[in-house]
Amino acid sequence: MSIKKAIALVAYYGFAQHFPTAPVPGYRIGYLLRRLLLRQLIGKQGESIIVKQHCYIGQGKGLRVGDRSELGQNARIDQHVTIGSDVVMGPDIVIMTNAHAFEKLDVPVRAQGALPNRPVIIGNDVWIGTRVIIMPGVTIGDQAVVGAGSVVTKDIPARAIVVGAPARVLRYRGKNS
C-alpha cells in the first residue's frame, strides 16, 4: 500500500466518516471531504457521488462507483463491488463478496478459511432500501428496486421490484399490476 493511500485511509476512518449527512449543517463539507479521499482509495469514482456517514469500504480494493450514486449511511461494502450510476442506498446496507467455508464437519468453521471472492454488480438507476443484505456473487439489473430489509441471494432482473428474505420478485417497474 502506498503512503498516499495509507494517509487517505487514516483520514477517512479517523475523521472524515464522522462529518454529518444532510440536512445537518456542515454536511456539504463532509460529502466533499469523503469524495476527495475516496479518489485515493477506490478503483473508479464517477462524478458527484455522495458518501454518507460511517460508510465502511475496507481499503476500497476493487470498488467502482458510477456517476451520481450514493453510498448509504452505515453501509458496509466489501471489496470487488461495482455500483452503477444513479444508485440510491438507504442506511445500513451490507454488500458481501466473501464468505467462510463450512462443509467439513471435523474442522471448526473458523479454521476452514474463506471461500473465493465473488464480486457483486449493481446496475444503473437502482434503489436499495434500508438494511438490505446483498450476498456474494449477485448481480442486480438496471432500474431494479430492492425493498427494505430484503436479503438478496440470487441475481435480480432489470426493472424488478424485489422484497423479502430471500428476496423475490414482487413485480416490475412500469407495470402497475
Foldseek 3Di string as FASTA:
>chain_A
DDPLLVVLVCCVVVPLLAQADPPDPPNVVSQVSNLVSVVSFADAEEAPEGEHHCEAEDSRALEYAYAHYYREHNEYEYHNEYAYHQEYEYHQEYEAFKDWDDPDPVDHRVPRGIDDGAYEYEYYCEYEYANEYEYHNEYEADNEYEDHPEYDDHYHYHQFYWYDDPTDGPDGPPDPD
